[in-house]
Structures are given as structure tokens and as C-alpha cells.
């Protein structure tokens, strides 16, 4: 197959490129905005047709959650309109599409892991635009797969793990939210799951993916510092109300992964095992 990967310079896009070397039965077109503007319908249609694309993995998104509140138009363009254009373009070729979405489509008021059947209720611009993107892709492409993920990190780009390591080395004390609960996702593990879907065949629908386990941001930070060997930074637990942000965060965003595990017969690593792998690759 000929597969278009968008957002190749991001965390997930970079991990996808590394794993392509182990999945050489297909041809990949890795693009970011310099190679393909996914808000340009004519450019998308031309690229997909000229390169005879069979499938699209859309890793591109506007992910600055707080900035999204003041850049709503741009956020909607990248997170909703663009995925819809990609979906329509690949549908013309009878192809498939994987769209990466987020736990922010939920309001975080659950007390048990969210399943794919739970009602969506985003309470931020980012969450609303990502939900709109899911709907655009589902209606635009019959063979579409939506994968919702959460708390993404990797060795690439800016993310929570790298920030906590940097701050842990710079500051004697840090305050971190303890009353928001979820599960970290190592982008490489998500990329492995995406390749499982590609190689086994796309089963259309919505899926959830994160690492296994449950943790707060505070406990996650403590684990990051322990694994990274940071001992001189005191980490204090903060209430969400002590750290106000422009965008509301879900208090509970644990995702139930049963569907993707059963559909593609995959095992998902425990969050701490994956965190150790990532920090090891950072070579601290």
C-alpha cells in the first residue's frame, strides 16, 4: 500500500517514521506543512491522486490546549476541517483513514474508564474541535478508524515528561496537579498499535488507546523524577483550583482499551515500563 502520514514532525509522526523501517512492505509519504498543507483541499486531492494513496494516518493537529481558547478559528481549521478534507480525498480512491483523537472529547466526570460508547461532552475548544474532526472523518470516509488517546509523550518535541525532567533539574520545588487522573501514553506504543491496524486491516470505528494503569499528574511526576535520577527537587501536590488554566481539563480521563486489544490482538504495556524505555532513550 501507499500510505500518507501527516504531521510527521510531531511526537507520533516521528515515532511512525522510526517504525516504518520495520514495516517496509508498504510505501510511506511522510509529510508536514512544508510538504502538504492539509487545509488546502486542492493540494490534498492532487497529492492523494498523483501518489495513488491507499490510506492516510493523520497525526497532524492543533494541540496547544490553552492557546486554542484564543485561536478558535485556527484550531477548528486544523482539527476539524482539515481531517474532513483528508477523509473526502481518500474516500474518492476507496481508501482508508486513521484519525488520532483525544480524551478531551469527554468532560472527565466519569468514575470508571471511558468506553467508546460513552456520551461525549467536550468542555474546551480543543476537545470540541477534535470531536468535530472525528465526525468529519467518520462521515467523509467509510473505512475510517478513530483512535482516542491521552497524555501523549515521547523522546520528540515538547511534552510533560521532558518538561518535568528539565524543571526537576532547574528548581528546588515543583507544584503538580494531583486531582486529575488518567494514563500516560508513550507515542511509540501508540505507533505500534497503528501499524497493527494497518497490517491486519482497518476495522472501521472508534477505539481508545493509552498505556495500562491509572495515575495522577503528581504521581507521574514523582515517577519521572525517580526514573530520571532527580533527587533534589521536592514535588508538592496541587489542587486544580490552585493552578487555573484558560482551558478546562478533564478530572478523570482513564480510557478503556478492551476494544482495540480484542480487535487487533495486541498487548499494551504498563505506563511505568514505557516511561522507563522513553527516559532511557533520552540518555540522561
C-alpha atoms as a PDB file:
ATOM      1  CA  UNK A   1       0.000   0.000   0.000  1.00  0.00           C
ATOM      2  CA  UNK A   2       0.920   3.628  -0.431  1.00  0.00           C
ATOM      3  CA  UNK A   3       0.311   5.415   2.870  1.00  0.00           C
ATOM      4  CA  UNK A   4       0.252   9.146   3.606  1.00  0.00           C
ATOM      5  CA  UNK A   5       1.406  10.183   7.089  1.00  0.00           C
ATOM      6  CA  UNK A   6       0.590  13.779   8.038  1.00  0.00           C
ATOM      7  CA  UNK A   7       2.148  15.686  10.933  1.00  0.00           C
ATOM      8  CA  UNK A   8       5.387  13.714  10.557  1.00  0.00           C
ATOM      9  CA  UNK A   9       7.409  16.247  12.606  1.00  0.00           C
ATOM     10  CA  UNK A  10       5.270  15.753  15.726  1.00  0.00           C
ATOM     11  CA  UNK A  11       5.681  13.229  18.531  1.00  0.00           C
ATOM     12  CA  UNK A  12       3.566  10.489  16.962  1.00  0.00           C
ATOM     13  CA  UNK A  13       4.683  11.279  13.412  1.00  0.00           C
ATOM     14  CA  UNK A  14       8.326  10.862  14.385  1.00  0.00           C
ATOM     15  CA  UNK A  15       7.625   7.535  16.095  1.00  0.00           C
ATOM     16  CA  UNK A  16       5.732   6.385  12.995  1.00  0.00           C
ATOM     17  CA  UNK A  17       8.767   7.150  10.847  1.00  0.00           C
ATOM     18  CA  UNK A  18      11.031   5.065  13.094  1.00  0.00           C
ATOM     19  CA  UNK A  19       8.667   2.079  12.904  1.00  0.00           C
ATOM     20  CA  UNK A  20       8.295   2.353   9.123  1.00  0.00           C
ATOM     21  CA  UNK A  21      11.754   0.776   8.895  1.00  0.00           C
ATOM     22  CA  UNK A  22      10.269  -2.369  10.465  1.00  0.00           C
ATOM     23  CA  UNK A  23       7.181  -2.263   8.194  1.00  0.00           C
ATOM     24  CA  UNK A  24       8.779  -1.985   4.776  1.00  0.00           C
ATOM     25  CA  UNK A  25       6.091  -3.896   2.918  1.00  0.00           C
ATOM     26  CA  UNK A  26       4.386  -0.530   2.337  1.00  0.00           C
ATOM     27  CA  UNK A  27       5.462   2.804   0.831  1.00  0.00           C
ATOM     28  CA  UNK A  28       5.152   5.838   3.111  1.00  0.00           C
ATOM     29  CA  UNK A  29       4.814   9.513   2.272  1.00  0.00           C
ATOM     30  CA  UNK A  30       5.810  11.439   5.413  1.00  0.00           C
ATOM     31  CA  UNK A  31       4.547  14.996   5.264  1.00  0.00           C
ATOM     32  CA  UNK A  32       4.248  18.050   7.441  1.00  0.00           C
ATOM     33  CA  UNK A  33       3.040  21.521   6.478  1.00  0.00           C
ATOM     34  CA  UNK A  34       6.108  22.156   4.257  1.00  0.00           C
ATOM     35  CA  UNK A  35       5.263  19.133   2.088  1.00  0.00           C
ATOM     36  CA  UNK A  36       1.478  19.246   2.255  1.00  0.00           C
ATOM     37  CA  UNK A  37      -0.903  21.887   3.610  1.00  0.00           C
ATOM     38  CA  UNK A  38      -3.786  19.803   4.945  1.00  0.00           C
ATOM     39  CA  UNK A  39      -6.072  22.855   4.985  1.00  0.00           C
ATOM     40  CA  UNK A  40      -5.732  23.169   1.173  1.00  0.00           C
ATOM     41  CA  UNK A  41      -8.355  20.940  -0.450  1.00  0.00           C
ATOM     42  CA  UNK A  42      -6.921  21.167  -3.964  1.00  0.00           C
ATOM     43  CA  UNK A  43      -3.414  20.323  -2.721  1.00  0.00           C
ATOM     44  CA  UNK A  44      -4.714  17.300  -0.799  1.00  0.00           C
ATOM     45  CA  UNK A  45      -6.705  15.960  -3.749  1.00  0.00           C
ATOM     46  CA  UNK A  46      -3.727  16.417  -6.062  1.00  0.00           C
ATOM     47  CA  UNK A  47      -1.302  14.710  -3.641  1.00  0.00           C
ATOM     48  CA  UNK A  48      -3.595  11.753  -2.980  1.00  0.00           C
ATOM     49  CA  UNK A  49      -4.367  11.244  -6.683  1.00  0.00           C
ATOM     50  CA  UNK A  50      -0.831  11.792  -8.039  1.00  0.00           C
ATOM     51  CA  UNK A  51       0.736   9.416  -5.498  1.00  0.00           C
ATOM     52  CA  UNK A  52      -2.097   6.858  -5.691  1.00  0.00           C
ATOM     53  CA  UNK A  53      -2.519   6.913  -1.891  1.00  0.00           C
ATOM     54  CA  UNK A  54      -4.341   3.910  -0.380  1.00  0.00           C
ATOM     55  CA  UNK A  55      -4.536   5.081   3.228  1.00  0.00           C
ATOM     56  CA  UNK A  56      -3.955   8.104   5.450  1.00  0.00           C
ATOM     57  CA  UNK A  57      -2.763   8.315   9.053  1.00  0.00           C
ATOM     58  CA  UNK A  58      -3.489  11.853  10.251  1.00  0.00           C
ATOM     59  CA  UNK A  59      -1.064  12.696  13.067  1.00  0.00           C
ATOM     60  CA  UNK A  60      -1.384  16.456  12.477  1.00  0.00           C
ATOM     61  CA  UNK A  61      -3.348  18.580  14.952  1.00  0.00           C
ATOM     62  CA  UNK A  62      -3.518  21.850  16.840  1.00  0.00           C
ATOM     63  CA  UNK A  63      -2.602  20.601  20.329  1.00  0.00           C
ATOM     64  CA  UNK A  64      -1.874  23.770  22.319  1.00  0.00           C
ATOM     65  CA  UNK A  65      -4.885  23.282  24.599  1.00  0.00           C
ATOM     66  CA  UNK A  66      -4.791  26.672  26.346  1.00  0.00           C
ATOM     67  CA  UNK A  67      -3.851  28.723  23.267  1.00  0.00           C
ATOM     68  CA  UNK A  68      -6.781  27.111  21.463  1.00  0.00           C
ATOM     69  CA  UNK A  69      -9.155  29.209  23.574  1.00  0.00           C
ATOM     70  CA  UNK A  70      -7.897  32.381  21.873  1.00  0.00           C
ATOM     71  CA  UNK A  71      -7.196  30.773  18.460  1.00  0.00           C
ATOM     72  CA  UNK A  72     -10.502  29.002  17.963  1.00  0.00           C
ATOM     73  CA  UNK A  73     -10.703  29.538  14.206  1.00  0.00           C
ATOM     74  CA  UNK A  74      -7.237  28.114  13.503  1.00  0.00           C
ATOM     75  CA  UNK A  75      -7.843  25.250  15.940  1.00  0.00           C
ATOM     76  CA  UNK A  76     -11.087  24.322  14.153  1.00  0.00           C
ATOM     77  CA  UNK A  77      -9.400  24.570  10.756  1.00  0.00           C
ATOM     78  CA  UNK A  78      -6.626  22.131  11.712  1.00  0.00           C
ATOM     79  CA  UNK A  79      -8.577  19.774  13.979  1.00  0.00           C
ATOM     80  CA  UNK A  80     -11.924  19.572  12.203  1.00  0.00           C
ATOM     81  CA  UNK A  81     -11.899  20.995   8.668  1.00  0.00           C
ATOM     82  CA  UNK A  82      -8.550  19.508   7.593  1.00  0.00           C
ATOM     83  CA  UNK A  83      -9.322  15.920   8.697  1.00  0.00           C
ATOM     84  CA  UNK A  84     -12.603  16.185   6.797  1.00  0.00           C
ATOM     85  CA  UNK A  85     -10.758  17.191   3.624  1.00  0.00           C
ATOM     86  CA  UNK A  86      -8.337  14.282   4.007  1.00  0.00           C
ATOM     87  CA  UNK A  87     -11.245  11.870   4.560  1.00  0.00           C
ATOM     88  CA  UNK A  88     -13.089  13.010   1.422  1.00  0.00           C
ATOM     89  CA  UNK A  89      -9.937  12.801  -0.673  1.00  0.00           C
ATOM     90  CA  UNK A  90      -9.125   9.213   0.337  1.00  0.00           C
ATOM     91  CA  UNK A  91     -12.781   8.169   0.033  1.00  0.00           C
ATOM     92  CA  UNK A  92     -12.614   9.012  -3.701  1.00  0.00           C
ATOM     93  CA  UNK A  93      -9.962   6.310  -4.021  1.00  0.00           C
ATOM     94  CA  UNK A  94     -11.861   3.818  -1.875  1.00  0.00           C
ATOM     95  CA  UNK A  95      -9.096   4.050   0.707  1.00  0.00           C
ATOM     96  CA  UNK A  96      -8.951   4.103   4.497  1.00  0.00           C
ATOM     97  CA  UNK A  97      -8.056   6.698   7.131  1.00  0.00           C
ATOM     98  CA  UNK A  98      -6.861   6.660  10.736  1.00  0.00           C
ATOM     99  CA  UNK A  99      -7.631   9.828  12.677  1.00  0.00           C
ATOM    100  CA  UNK A 100      -5.954  10.460  16.040  1.00  0.00           C
ATOM    101  CA  UNK A 101      -8.301  11.980  18.616  1.00  0.00           C
ATOM    102  CA  UNK A 102      -8.269  12.686  22.338  1.00  0.00           C
ATOM    103  CA  UNK A 103      -9.698  12.035  25.793  1.00  0.00           C
ATOM    104  CA  UNK A 104     -10.760  15.730  25.748  1.00  0.00           C
ATOM    105  CA  UNK A 105     -13.942  14.726  23.888  1.00  0.00           C
ATOM    106  CA  UNK A 106     -15.163  13.744  27.383  1.00  0.00           C
ATOM    107  CA  UNK A 107     -15.778  16.162  30.270  1.00  0.00           C
ATOM    108  CA  UNK A 108     -13.924  13.966  32.763  1.00  0.00           C
ATOM    109  CA  UNK A 109     -16.777  13.443  35.238  1.00  0.00           C
ATOM    110  CA  UNK A 110     -16.758   9.616  34.997  1.00  0.00           C
ATOM    111  CA  UNK A 111     -15.542   7.389  37.827  1.00  0.00           C
ATOM    112  CA  UNK A 112     -14.833   4.367  35.642  1.00  0.00           C
ATOM    113  CA  UNK A 113     -12.787   4.079  32.437  1.00  0.00           C
ATOM    114  CA  UNK A 114     -14.445   5.626  29.394  1.00  0.00           C
ATOM    115  CA  UNK A 115     -15.584   3.221  26.687  1.00  0.00           C
ATOM    116  CA  UNK A 116     -16.129   4.104  23.035  1.00  0.00           C
ATOM    117  CA  UNK A 117     -19.897   4.026  23.650  1.00  0.00           C
ATOM    118  CA  UNK A 118     -19.877   6.652  26.410  1.00  0.00           C
ATOM    119  CA  UNK A 119     -21.508  10.000  25.629  1.00  0.00           C
ATOM    120  CA  UNK A 120     -19.100  12.715  24.519  1.00  0.00           C
ATOM    121  CA  UNK A 121     -19.195  16.115  26.194  1.00  0.00           C
ATOM    122  CA  UNK A 122     -16.102  18.250  25.495  1.00  0.00           C
ATOM    123  CA  UNK A 123     -15.658  21.354  27.646  1.00  0.00           C
ATOM    124  CA  UNK A 124     -12.772  23.074  25.834  1.00  0.00           C
ATOM    125  CA  UNK A 125     -12.169  24.450  22.341  1.00  0.00           C
ATOM    126  CA  UNK A 126      -9.548  21.770  21.768  1.00  0.00           C
ATOM    127  CA  UNK A 127     -11.972  18.998  22.778  1.00  0.00           C
ATOM    128  CA  UNK A 128     -14.828  20.411  20.697  1.00  0.00           C
ATOM    129  CA  UNK A 129     -12.686  20.756  17.570  1.00  0.00           C
ATOM    130  CA  UNK A 130     -11.243  17.247  17.937  1.00  0.00           C
ATOM    131  CA  UNK A 131     -14.765  15.833  18.305  1.00  0.00           C
ATOM    132  CA  UNK A 132     -15.813  17.741  15.182  1.00  0.00           C
ATOM    133  CA  UNK A 133     -12.799  16.185  13.444  1.00  0.00           C
ATOM    134  CA  UNK A 134     -13.964  12.696  14.443  1.00  0.00           C
ATOM    135  CA  UNK A 135     -17.385  13.426  12.964  1.00  0.00           C
ATOM    136  CA  UNK A 136     -15.936  14.868   9.733  1.00  0.00           C
ATOM    137  CA  UNK A 137     -13.738  11.813   9.205  1.00  0.00           C
ATOM    138  CA  UNK A 138     -16.465   9.288  10.031  1.00  0.00           C
ATOM    139  CA  UNK A 139     -18.928  10.918   7.618  1.00  0.00           C
ATOM    140  CA  UNK A 140     -16.289  11.562   4.928  1.00  0.00           C
ATOM    141  CA  UNK A 141     -14.630   8.146   4.763  1.00  0.00           C
ATOM    142  CA  UNK A 142     -16.439   4.805   5.124  1.00  0.00           C
ATOM    143  CA  UNK A 143     -13.253   2.929   6.081  1.00  0.00           C
ATOM    144  CA  UNK A 144     -12.218   5.261   8.878  1.00  0.00           C
ATOM    145  CA  UNK A 145     -10.758   4.455  12.273  1.00  0.00           C
ATOM    146  CA  UNK A 146     -10.755   6.985  15.124  1.00  0.00           C
ATOM    147  CA  UNK A 147      -8.171   6.392  17.875  1.00  0.00           C
ATOM    148  CA  UNK A 148      -8.611   8.469  21.030  1.00  0.00           C
ATOM    149  CA  UNK A 149      -5.509   8.765  23.175  1.00  0.00           C
ATOM    150  CA  UNK A 150      -4.355  10.732  26.234  1.00  0.00           C
ATOM    151  CA  UNK A 151      -1.317  12.241  27.966  1.00  0.00           C
ATOM    152  CA  UNK A 152       0.978  11.658  24.979  1.00  0.00           C
ATOM    153  CA  UNK A 153       4.747  11.881  25.428  1.00  0.00           C
ATOM    154  CA  UNK A 154       7.895  10.708  23.600  1.00  0.00           C
ATOM    155  CA  UNK A 155      11.566  11.497  23.096  1.00  0.00           C
ATOM    156  CA  UNK A 156      10.491  14.017  20.417  1.00  0.00           C
ATOM    157  CA  UNK A 157       9.190  17.575  20.738  1.00  0.00           C
ATOM    158  CA  UNK A 158       7.876  19.241  23.870  1.00  0.00           C
ATOM    159  CA  UNK A 159       5.898  17.152  26.336  1.00  0.00           C
ATOM    160  CA  UNK A 160       5.189  16.677  30.037  1.00  0.00           C
ATOM    161  CA  UNK A 161       7.947  14.123  30.648  1.00  0.00           C
ATOM    162  CA  UNK A 162      10.696  16.278  29.158  1.00  0.00           C
ATOM    163  CA  UNK A 163       9.375  19.402  30.890  1.00  0.00           C
ATOM    164  CA  UNK A 164       9.288  17.735  34.319  1.00  0.00           C
ATOM    165  CA  UNK A 165      12.851  16.449  33.848  1.00  0.00           C
ATOM    166  CA  UNK A 166      14.057  19.929  32.891  1.00  0.00           C
ATOM    167  CA  UNK A 167      12.225  21.666  35.751  1.00  0.00           C
ATOM    168  CA  UNK A 168      13.312  18.973  38.194  1.00  0.00           C
ATOM    169  CA  UNK A 169      16.921  19.783  37.404  1.00  0.00           C
ATOM    170  CA  UNK A 170      16.403  23.558  37.496  1.00  0.00           C
ATOM    171  CA  UNK A 171      14.114  24.077  40.507  1.00  0.00           C
ATOM    172  CA  UNK A 172      14.293  23.015  44.165  1.00  0.00           C
ATOM    173  CA  UNK A 173      10.489  22.643  44.329  1.00  0.00           C
ATOM    174  CA  UNK A 174       7.575  21.996  41.954  1.00  0.00           C
ATOM    175  CA  UNK A 175       3.803  22.024  42.399  1.00  0.00           C
ATOM    176  CA  UNK A 176       1.908  19.489  40.271  1.00  0.00           C
ATOM    177  CA  UNK A 177      -1.824  18.715  39.986  1.00  0.00           C
ATOM    178  CA  UNK A 178      -2.880  15.632  41.955  1.00  0.00           C
ATOM    179  CA  UNK A 179      -6.659  15.670  41.370  1.00  0.00           C
ATOM    180  CA  UNK A 180      -6.589  14.968  37.625  1.00  0.00           C
ATOM    181  CA  UNK A 181      -6.422  11.242  36.925  1.00  0.00           C
ATOM    182  CA  UNK A 182      -5.550   9.474  33.690  1.00  0.00           C
ATOM    183  CA  UNK A 183      -2.997   7.298  31.942  1.00  0.00           C
ATOM    184  CA  UNK A 184       0.150   8.402  30.106  1.00  0.00           C
ATOM    185  CA  UNK A 185       0.698   7.214  26.532  1.00  0.00           C
ATOM    186  CA  UNK A 186       4.156   6.602  25.100  1.00  0.00           C
ATOM    187  CA  UNK A 187       3.809   7.694  21.457  1.00  0.00           C
ATOM    188  CA  UNK A 188       5.898   4.726  20.306  1.00  0.00           C
ATOM    189  CA  UNK A 189       3.340   2.300  21.826  1.00  0.00           C
ATOM    190  CA  UNK A 190       0.539   4.123  20.005  1.00  0.00           C
ATOM    191  CA  UNK A 191       2.512   3.905  16.744  1.00  0.00           C
ATOM    192  CA  UNK A 192       2.904   0.132  17.270  1.00  0.00           C
ATOM    193  CA  UNK A 193      -0.892  -0.165  17.639  1.00  0.00           C
ATOM    194  CA  UNK A 194      -1.449   1.887  14.476  1.00  0.00           C
ATOM    195  CA  UNK A 195       0.831  -0.413  12.479  1.00  0.00           C
ATOM    196  CA  UNK A 196      -1.052  -3.418  13.881  1.00  0.00           C
ATOM    197  CA  UNK A 197      -4.251  -1.933  12.459  1.00  0.00           C
ATOM    198  CA  UNK A 198      -2.631  -1.142   9.101  1.00  0.00           C
ATOM    199  CA  UNK A 199      -1.085  -4.586   8.705  1.00  0.00           C
ATOM    200  CA  UNK A 200      -4.127  -6.553   9.885  1.00  0.00           C
ATOM    201  CA  UNK A 201      -6.648  -4.396   8.027  1.00  0.00           C
ATOM    202  CA  UNK A 202      -8.688  -1.399   9.141  1.00  0.00           C
ATOM    203  CA  UNK A 203     -11.826  -2.284  11.093  1.00  0.00           C
ATOM    204  CA  UNK A 204     -13.835   0.966  10.982  1.00  0.00           C
ATOM    205  CA  UNK A 205     -14.992   2.548  14.231  1.00  0.00           C
ATOM    206  CA  UNK A 206     -13.856   4.409  17.342  1.00  0.00           C
ATOM    207  CA  UNK A 207     -11.100   2.979  19.543  1.00  0.00           C
ATOM    208  CA  UNK A 208      -9.352   4.023  22.756  1.00  0.00           C
ATOM    209  CA  UNK A 209      -5.617   3.695  23.330  1.00  0.00           C
ATOM    210  CA  UNK A 210      -3.308   4.656  26.168  1.00  0.00           C
ATOM    211  CA  UNK A 211      -0.842   2.675  28.230  1.00  0.00           C
ATOM    212  CA  UNK A 212      -2.198   0.447  31.012  1.00  0.00           C
ATOM    213  CA  UNK A 213      -2.695   1.657  34.575  1.00  0.00           C
ATOM    214  CA  UNK A 214      -4.038   4.775  36.288  1.00  0.00           C
ATOM    215  CA  UNK A 215      -2.156   7.709  37.812  1.00  0.00           C
ATOM    216  CA  UNK A 216      -2.332  11.436  38.654  1.00  0.00           C
ATOM    217  CA  UNK A 217      -0.063  14.108  37.165  1.00  0.00           C
ATOM    218  CA  UNK A 218       1.566  14.419  40.600  1.00  0.00           C
ATOM    219  CA  UNK A 219       2.346  10.700  40.840  1.00  0.00           C
ATOM    220  CA  UNK A 220       3.501  10.704  37.212  1.00  0.00           C
ATOM    221  CA  UNK A 221       5.971  13.488  38.026  1.00  0.00           C
ATOM    222  CA  UNK A 222       7.272  11.604  41.058  1.00  0.00           C
ATOM    223  CA  UNK A 223       7.876   8.549  38.861  1.00  0.00           C
ATOM    224  CA  UNK A 224       9.591  10.645  36.160  1.00  0.00           C
ATOM    225  CA  UNK A 225      11.988  12.120  38.710  1.00  0.00           C
ATOM    226  CA  UNK A 226      12.681   8.751  40.326  1.00  0.00           C
ATOM    227  CA  UNK A 227      13.464   7.051  36.998  1.00  0.00           C
ATOM    228  CA  UNK A 228      15.498  10.037  35.759  1.00  0.00           C
ATOM    229  CA  UNK A 229      17.534  10.079  38.991  1.00  0.00           C
ATOM    230  CA  UNK A 230      16.347  13.532  40.081  1.00  0.00           C
ATOM    231  CA  UNK A 231      16.563  13.654  43.898  1.00  0.00           C
ATOM    232  CA  UNK A 232      16.919  17.326  44.831  1.00  0.00           C
ATOM    233  CA  UNK A 233      13.533  18.634  43.681  1.00  0.00           C
ATOM    234  CA  UNK A 234      10.579  18.471  46.078  1.00  0.00           C
ATOM    235  CA  UNK A 235       7.264  17.810  44.298  1.00  0.00           C
ATOM    236  CA  UNK A 236       4.157  19.182  46.032  1.00  0.00           C
ATOM    237  CA  UNK A 237       0.574  18.113  45.214  1.00  0.00           C
ATOM    238  CA  UNK A 238      -1.686  20.917  43.933  1.00  0.00           C
ATOM    239  CA  UNK A 239      -5.461  21.123  43.547  1.00  0.00           C
ATOM    240  CA  UNK A 240      -6.658  22.085  40.059  1.00  0.00           C
ATOM    241  CA  UNK A 241      -8.097  25.255  41.608  1.00  0.00           C
ATOM    242  CA  UNK A 242      -4.582  26.285  42.654  1.00  0.00           C
ATOM    243  CA  UNK A 243      -3.382  26.200  39.054  1.00  0.00           C
ATOM    244  CA  UNK A 244      -6.055  27.854  36.883  1.00  0.00           C
ATOM    245  CA  UNK A 245      -5.717  27.477  33.095  1.00  0.00           C
ATOM    246  CA  UNK A 246      -7.649  29.040  30.169  1.00  0.00           C
ATOM    247  CA  UNK A 247      -8.926  25.605  29.073  1.00  0.00           C
ATOM    248  CA  UNK A 248     -10.739  23.192  31.379  1.00  0.00           C
ATOM    249  CA  UNK A 249      -9.016  19.817  31.869  1.00  0.00           C
ATOM    250  CA  UNK A 250     -10.866  16.521  32.431  1.00  0.00           C
ATOM    251  CA  UNK A 251     -10.527  15.450  36.090  1.00  0.00           C
ATOM    252  CA  UNK A 252     -10.844  11.810  35.099  1.00  0.00           C
ATOM    253  CA  UNK A 253      -9.746  10.630  31.654  1.00  0.00           C
ATOM    254  CA  UNK A 254      -8.930   6.945  32.016  1.00  0.00           C
ATOM    255  CA  UNK A 255      -9.731   5.130  28.754  1.00  0.00           C
ATOM    256  CA  UNK A 256     -10.972   1.550  28.444  1.00  0.00           C
ATOM    257  CA  UNK A 257      -8.761  -0.212  25.843  1.00  0.00           C
ATOM    258  CA  UNK A 258     -10.671  -3.513  25.627  1.00  0.00           C
ATOM    259  CA  UNK A 259     -11.953  -2.924  22.070  1.00  0.00           C
ATOM    260  CA  UNK A 260      -8.592  -2.224  20.404  1.00  0.00           C
ATOM    261  CA  UNK A 261      -6.885  -5.055  22.328  1.00  0.00           C
ATOM    262  CA  UNK A 262      -9.502  -7.588  21.239  1.00  0.00           C
ATOM    263  CA  UNK A 263      -9.876  -6.358  17.651  1.00  0.00           C
ATOM    264  CA  UNK A 264      -6.154  -6.402  16.866  1.00  0.00           C
ATOM    265  CA  UNK A 265      -4.976  -8.949  19.452  1.00  0.00           C
ATOM    266  CA  UNK A 266      -2.415  -6.556  20.943  1.00  0.00           C
ATOM    267  CA  UNK A 267      -0.912  -6.269  24.397  1.00  0.00           C
ATOM    268  CA  UNK A 268      -0.480  -2.775  25.798  1.00  0.00           C
ATOM    269  CA  UNK A 269       2.487  -2.073  28.111  1.00  0.00           C
ATOM    270  CA  UNK A 270       2.078  -0.735  31.654  1.00  0.00           C
ATOM    271  CA  UNK A 271       2.740   3.017  31.769  1.00  0.00           C
ATOM    272  CA  UNK A 272       5.810   2.776  34.026  1.00  0.00           C
ATOM    273  CA  UNK A 273       7.556   0.239  31.780  1.00  0.00           C
ATOM    274  CA  UNK A 274       7.105   2.538  28.790  1.00  0.00           C
ATOM    275  CA  UNK A 275       8.218   5.583  30.771  1.00  0.00           C
ATOM    276  CA  UNK A 276      11.442   3.773  31.692  1.00  0.00           C
ATOM    277  CA  UNK A 277      12.057   2.972  27.999  1.00  0.00           C
ATOM    278  CA  UNK A 278      11.496   6.590  26.959  1.00  0.00           C
ATOM    279  CA  UNK A 279      13.726   8.075  29.649  1.00  0.00           C
ATOM    280  CA  UNK A 280      16.395   5.512  28.805  1.00  0.00           C
ATOM    281  CA  UNK A 281      16.295   6.647  25.156  1.00  0.00           C
ATOM    282  CA  UNK A 282      16.651  10.267  26.256  1.00  0.00           C
ATOM    283  CA  UNK A 283      20.079   9.189  27.557  1.00  0.00           C
ATOM    284  CA  UNK A 284      20.021  11.180  30.785  1.00  0.00           C
END
